Amino acid sequence: MDLDALAYIPYNHHSLPAMYTGLQSQSTYSTYASLYNAFELYWLCAVPLLMLGIPLCLSFIPVDAALRTVLKPSLASVILPPPSPSTSSSASPTSSINPTWIIPRHMAVVMDGNRRYGRSKYGVPMRGHHDGSQRLVDFLSWAMSAGVQILTVYAFSTENWKRDAAEVNALMGIFDSFMMDIIPEALARNIRVRVLVSDATHLPQHVQVSIQEIEAATQHCSAFTLNICARLRKKLRLGSSTWTT
C-alpha cells in the first residue's frame, strides 16, 4: 500500500520513531500516530495546568499557619532556657548591674521597631517580629535575675491592625504560638502571665482561647508577673484603667 496516499495526519513518517516507519497497515499507522499526538497533547496541556495549579493550591494555605510551621521550631528552643548551675558569674545576666542601683519593682517596655529591623536585616518585616519575641524572652530572664517583680510589655496597639490582613494574621499566629510555647516554662519558673486587652472581641477566636488558657494555667504563680498589653490605644492611660498589679 502506498503510504503517500493515506489521509493527512499531523506527523509524516519521518517525524515518527523509526520503529513505526515500516508499518504498512493504514489502521496500525493511524493508531500509532494518534497515540503519539495524544502524548504530546497531554504534555502541552498538563504542564500549564501544573504551573497554574501548584501556586493556586499554595494560595489556600493561611499565612499565619505557614509562618507558625516555619518559625515554631526555632521559637520553642529559646523560650526561657533554664539557667545552668555551671555558668560563671561573669556570664550572669546581672553581671552588668551596678550593686548601688535601685532596681524598680515594676518595669514597662514598648516593643517597637520590629518591622523596620526585619526589613533592614532580612528584607522581610515578619522576621523582625519573630526576633522580637526572642528578645522579649532574653529581657524577661534578665529582669527576673535583676530582681524585677513585674514586667509589662506593650506588644500591639490599635494602629497595628491597620496593616495588611496577611501581616496581621501572621502576627497573630506568632503571638498565639508564643503564648502556647511559654506555658510550660512559665509554670516551671512560677511566672504569672496576664494579657491585658482593651477590646478582646476584635482578636481572632483562636487567640482569645490561647489567652484564656495561659491566664488560667498561670494564675496561681507568684514569683514573677508578665503583663502583655494588646490592642491598646496610644492615648490610653494605664492609671485610668481598672487593671491591678
Protein backbone atom coordinates (compact mmCIF):
# COMPACT_ATOMS: atom_id res chain seq x y z
CA MET A 1 0.00 0.00 0.00
CA ASP A 2 1.28 3.44 -0.87
CA LEU A 3 1.65 5.43 2.37
CA ASP A 4 1.65 8.73 0.48
CA ALA A 5 -1.93 8.07 -0.49
CA LEU A 6 -3.08 7.95 3.11
CA ALA A 7 -5.16 10.72 4.66
CA TYR A 8 -3.14 13.61 6.07
CA ILE A 9 -2.11 13.40 9.68
CA PRO A 10 -0.09 15.99 11.66
CA TYR A 11 3.09 13.86 11.54
CA ASN A 12 4.52 12.17 8.41
CA HIS A 13 6.57 9.01 8.55
CA HIS A 14 9.79 11.00 9.03
CA SER A 15 8.57 12.53 12.33
CA LEU A 16 7.56 9.22 13.89
CA PRO A 17 10.01 6.88 15.65
CA ALA A 18 11.96 4.65 13.32
CA MET A 19 10.23 1.51 14.54
CA TYR A 20 6.92 2.76 13.14
CA THR A 21 8.11 3.75 9.65
CA GLY A 22 7.99 0.20 8.33
CA LEU A 23 4.30 -0.30 9.12
CA GLN A 24 2.23 -0.94 6.04
CA SER A 25 -1.24 -1.03 7.55
CA GLN A 26 -3.21 2.21 7.45
CA SER A 27 -5.13 1.40 10.63
CA THR A 28 -1.97 0.48 12.58
CA TYR A 29 -0.14 3.53 11.28
CA SER A 30 -3.05 5.81 12.23
CA THR A 31 -3.27 4.26 15.69
CA TYR A 32 0.39 4.90 16.48
CA ALA A 33 0.14 8.39 15.04
CA SER A 34 -2.89 9.13 17.22
CA LEU A 35 -1.12 7.85 20.32
CA TYR A 36 1.92 9.95 19.51
CA ASN A 37 -0.25 13.03 19.03
CA ALA A 38 -2.18 12.34 22.22
CA PHE A 39 1.03 12.00 24.22
CA GLU A 40 2.31 15.37 23.04
CA LEU A 41 -1.10 16.97 23.55
CA TYR A 42 -1.14 15.62 27.12
CA TRP A 43 2.13 17.34 27.96
CA LEU A 44 1.11 20.55 26.23
CA CYS A 45 -1.96 20.66 28.49
CA ALA A 46 -0.53 19.17 31.68
CA VAL A 47 2.48 21.45 32.07
CA PRO A 48 0.49 24.74 32.05
CA LEU A 49 -2.07 23.21 34.42
CA LEU A 50 0.68 22.20 36.84
CA MET A 51 2.25 25.65 36.66
CA LEU A 52 -1.09 27.25 37.48
CA GLY A 53 -2.40 24.61 39.87
CA ILE A 54 0.51 24.44 42.32
CA PRO A 55 0.53 28.21 43.15
CA LEU A 56 -3.28 28.11 43.34
CA CYS A 57 -3.19 25.31 45.92
CA LEU A 58 -0.50 27.09 47.93
CA SER A 59 -2.59 30.26 47.99
CA PHE A 60 -5.20 28.50 50.15
CA ILE A 61 -2.68 27.87 52.96
CA PRO A 62 -3.17 30.58 55.67
CA VAL A 63 -0.17 32.86 56.04
CA ASP A 64 -0.15 32.56 59.81
CA ALA A 65 -0.26 28.75 59.68
CA ALA A 66 2.61 28.66 57.22
CA LEU A 67 4.73 31.02 59.33
CA ARG A 68 4.00 29.11 62.51
CA THR A 69 5.14 25.90 60.84
CA VAL A 70 8.40 27.55 59.78
CA LEU A 71 9.11 29.61 62.89
CA LYS A 72 7.78 27.43 65.71
CA PRO A 73 10.73 25.02 65.97
CA SER A 74 13.23 27.83 66.42
CA LEU A 75 10.91 29.79 68.71
CA ALA A 76 10.32 26.89 71.09
CA SER A 77 14.03 26.34 71.55
CA VAL A 78 14.62 29.77 73.10
CA ILE A 79 11.67 30.03 75.48
CA LEU A 80 13.11 30.72 78.92
CA PRO A 81 16.09 28.36 78.85
CA PRO A 82 16.84 27.09 82.38
CA PRO A 83 19.90 28.65 83.97
CA SER A 84 22.99 26.48 84.01
CA PRO A 85 24.49 25.98 87.50
CA SER A 86 27.96 25.80 85.98
CA THR A 87 27.71 29.26 84.42
CA SER A 88 30.34 31.63 85.77
CA SER A 89 29.41 34.88 87.46
CA SER A 90 30.94 36.86 84.62
CA ALA A 91 28.31 35.43 82.25
CA SER A 92 25.40 36.09 84.60
CA PRO A 93 22.59 38.34 83.30
CA THR A 94 23.11 40.55 86.35
CA SER A 95 26.88 40.91 85.92
CA SER A 96 26.44 44.34 84.29
CA ILE A 97 24.18 45.67 87.08
CA ASN A 98 25.74 48.12 89.47
CA PRO A 99 25.05 46.97 93.05
CA THR A 100 24.29 50.57 94.02
CA TRP A 101 21.44 50.83 91.53
CA ILE A 102 17.87 50.81 92.78
CA ILE A 103 16.03 48.08 90.88
CA PRO A 104 12.39 49.02 90.17
CA ARG A 105 9.66 46.65 91.23
CA HIS A 106 7.71 47.18 88.01
CA MET A 107 9.19 47.81 84.56
CA ALA A 108 7.27 48.66 81.36
CA VAL A 109 8.64 48.28 77.85
CA VAL A 110 7.22 49.39 74.49
CA MET A 111 8.11 46.86 71.80
CA ASP A 112 8.67 48.91 68.66
CA GLY A 113 10.76 48.76 65.51
CA ASN A 114 10.42 45.04 64.78
CA ARG A 115 9.18 45.62 61.23
CA ARG A 116 11.97 48.06 60.42
CA TYR A 117 14.54 45.69 61.88
CA GLY A 118 13.20 42.74 59.91
CA ARG A 119 13.10 44.72 56.69
CA SER A 120 16.64 46.06 57.07
CA LYS A 121 18.25 42.78 58.19
CA TYR A 122 16.28 40.12 56.32
CA GLY A 123 14.25 42.02 53.76
CA VAL A 124 11.13 40.51 55.37
CA PRO A 125 9.27 42.56 58.04
CA MET A 126 7.73 39.49 59.71
CA ARG A 127 11.14 38.08 60.59
CA GLY A 128 11.59 41.14 62.79
CA HIS A 129 8.55 40.16 64.87
CA HIS A 130 9.96 36.67 65.31
CA ASP A 131 13.31 38.03 66.51
CA GLY A 132 11.45 40.48 68.75
CA SER A 133 9.71 37.61 70.55
CA GLN A 134 13.08 36.01 71.26
CA ARG A 135 14.46 39.32 72.52
CA LEU A 136 11.49 39.54 74.89
CA VAL A 137 12.45 36.16 76.34
CA ASP A 138 16.04 37.35 76.87
CA PHE A 139 14.87 40.55 78.56
CA LEU A 140 12.42 38.63 80.74
CA SER A 141 15.21 36.38 82.01
CA TRP A 142 17.37 39.44 82.72
CA ALA A 143 14.55 41.20 84.60
CA MET A 144 13.92 38.17 86.79
CA SER A 145 17.62 37.82 87.60
CA ALA A 146 17.88 41.54 88.40
CA GLY A 147 15.10 41.37 90.96
CA VAL A 148 12.25 42.96 88.99
CA GLN A 149 8.89 41.56 90.08
CA ILE A 150 6.56 42.76 87.31
CA LEU A 151 7.28 43.29 83.63
CA THR A 152 4.73 44.93 81.33
CA VAL A 153 5.28 44.87 77.58
CA TYR A 154 3.22 46.83 75.08
CA ALA A 155 3.09 44.37 72.18
CA PHE A 156 0.21 45.53 69.96
CA SER A 157 -1.62 48.80 69.54
CA THR A 158 -4.77 49.58 67.58
CA GLU A 159 -2.56 51.09 64.87
CA ASN A 160 -1.10 47.63 64.17
CA TRP A 161 -4.48 46.47 62.92
CA LYS A 162 -4.43 48.97 60.05
CA ARG A 163 -1.75 46.96 58.24
CA ASP A 164 -2.29 44.36 55.53
CA ALA A 165 -4.54 41.47 56.55
CA ALA A 166 -1.82 38.93 55.72
CA GLU A 167 0.66 40.65 58.05
CA VAL A 168 -1.90 40.95 60.86
CA ASN A 169 -2.81 37.26 60.55
CA ALA A 170 0.84 36.24 60.58
CA LEU A 171 1.46 38.46 63.61
CA MET A 172 -1.43 36.85 65.46
CA GLY A 173 -0.01 33.43 64.57
CA ILE A 174 3.35 34.30 66.14
CA PHE A 175 1.61 35.73 69.22
CA ASP A 176 -0.58 32.62 69.59
CA SER A 177 2.40 30.27 69.20
CA PHE A 178 4.45 32.29 71.70
CA MET A 179 1.76 32.04 74.38
CA MET A 180 1.30 28.30 73.93
CA ASP A 181 5.03 27.59 73.97
CA ILE A 182 5.74 29.66 77.07
CA ILE A 183 3.19 27.94 79.36
CA PRO A 184 5.42 25.02 80.50
CA GLU A 185 8.38 27.29 81.28
CA ALA A 186 6.16 29.87 82.97
CA LEU A 187 4.85 27.15 85.27
CA ALA A 188 8.36 25.85 85.93
CA ARG A 189 9.56 29.34 86.91
CA ASN A 190 6.39 30.33 88.77
CA ILE A 191 5.60 33.18 86.33
CA ARG A 192 2.09 34.53 86.09
CA VAL A 193 1.18 35.66 82.57
CA ARG A 194 -1.61 38.17 82.00
CA VAL A 195 -2.78 39.51 78.65
CA LEU A 196 -4.33 42.96 79.04
CA VAL A 197 -6.66 43.78 76.16
CA SER A 198 -8.79 46.89 75.80
CA ASP A 199 -11.23 45.09 73.47
CA ALA A 200 -10.77 41.32 73.12
CA THR A 201 -13.70 40.93 70.72
CA HIS A 202 -11.54 42.17 67.85
CA LEU A 203 -8.93 39.45 68.37
CA PRO A 204 -9.14 36.18 66.38
CA GLN A 205 -11.04 33.44 68.17
CA HIS A 206 -8.02 31.14 68.45
CA VAL A 207 -6.01 33.95 70.08
CA GLN A 208 -8.80 34.59 72.60
CA VAL A 209 -8.78 30.90 73.51
CA SER A 210 -4.99 30.93 73.95
CA ILE A 211 -5.23 33.99 76.21
CA GLN A 212 -7.78 32.25 78.43
CA GLU A 213 -5.64 29.11 78.60
CA ILE A 214 -2.38 30.83 79.55
CA GLU A 215 -4.04 33.06 82.15
CA ALA A 216 -5.90 30.12 83.71
CA ALA A 217 -2.79 27.93 83.74
CA THR A 218 -0.56 30.53 85.43
CA GLN A 219 -2.99 32.40 87.68
CA HIS A 220 -1.60 30.70 90.80
CA CYS A 221 2.04 31.64 90.03
CA SER A 222 3.52 34.31 92.28
CA ALA A 223 7.28 34.65 91.75
CA PHE A 224 7.01 36.99 88.77
CA THR A 225 4.29 38.64 86.68
CA LEU A 226 4.42 39.23 82.93
CA ASN A 227 1.77 41.58 81.55
CA ILE A 228 1.32 41.56 77.76
CA CYS A 229 -0.70 44.53 76.54
CA ALA A 230 -2.56 44.10 73.25
CA ARG A 231 -4.98 46.25 71.23
CA LEU A 232 -4.19 49.34 73.28
CA ARG A 233 -4.75 52.87 72.04
CA LYS A 234 -1.71 55.13 72.17
CA LYS A 235 -3.57 57.66 74.32
CA LEU A 236 -4.94 55.06 76.76
CA ARG A 237 -3.68 55.78 80.27
CA LEU A 238 -2.84 52.82 82.42
CA GLY A 239 -3.82 54.74 85.53
CA SER A 240 -7.35 55.28 84.26
CA SER A 241 -7.99 51.56 83.77
CA THR A 242 -9.15 49.01 86.30
CA TRP A 243 -6.12 46.75 85.87
CA THR A 244 -4.25 45.93 89.05
CA THR A 245 -0.75 44.57 89.56
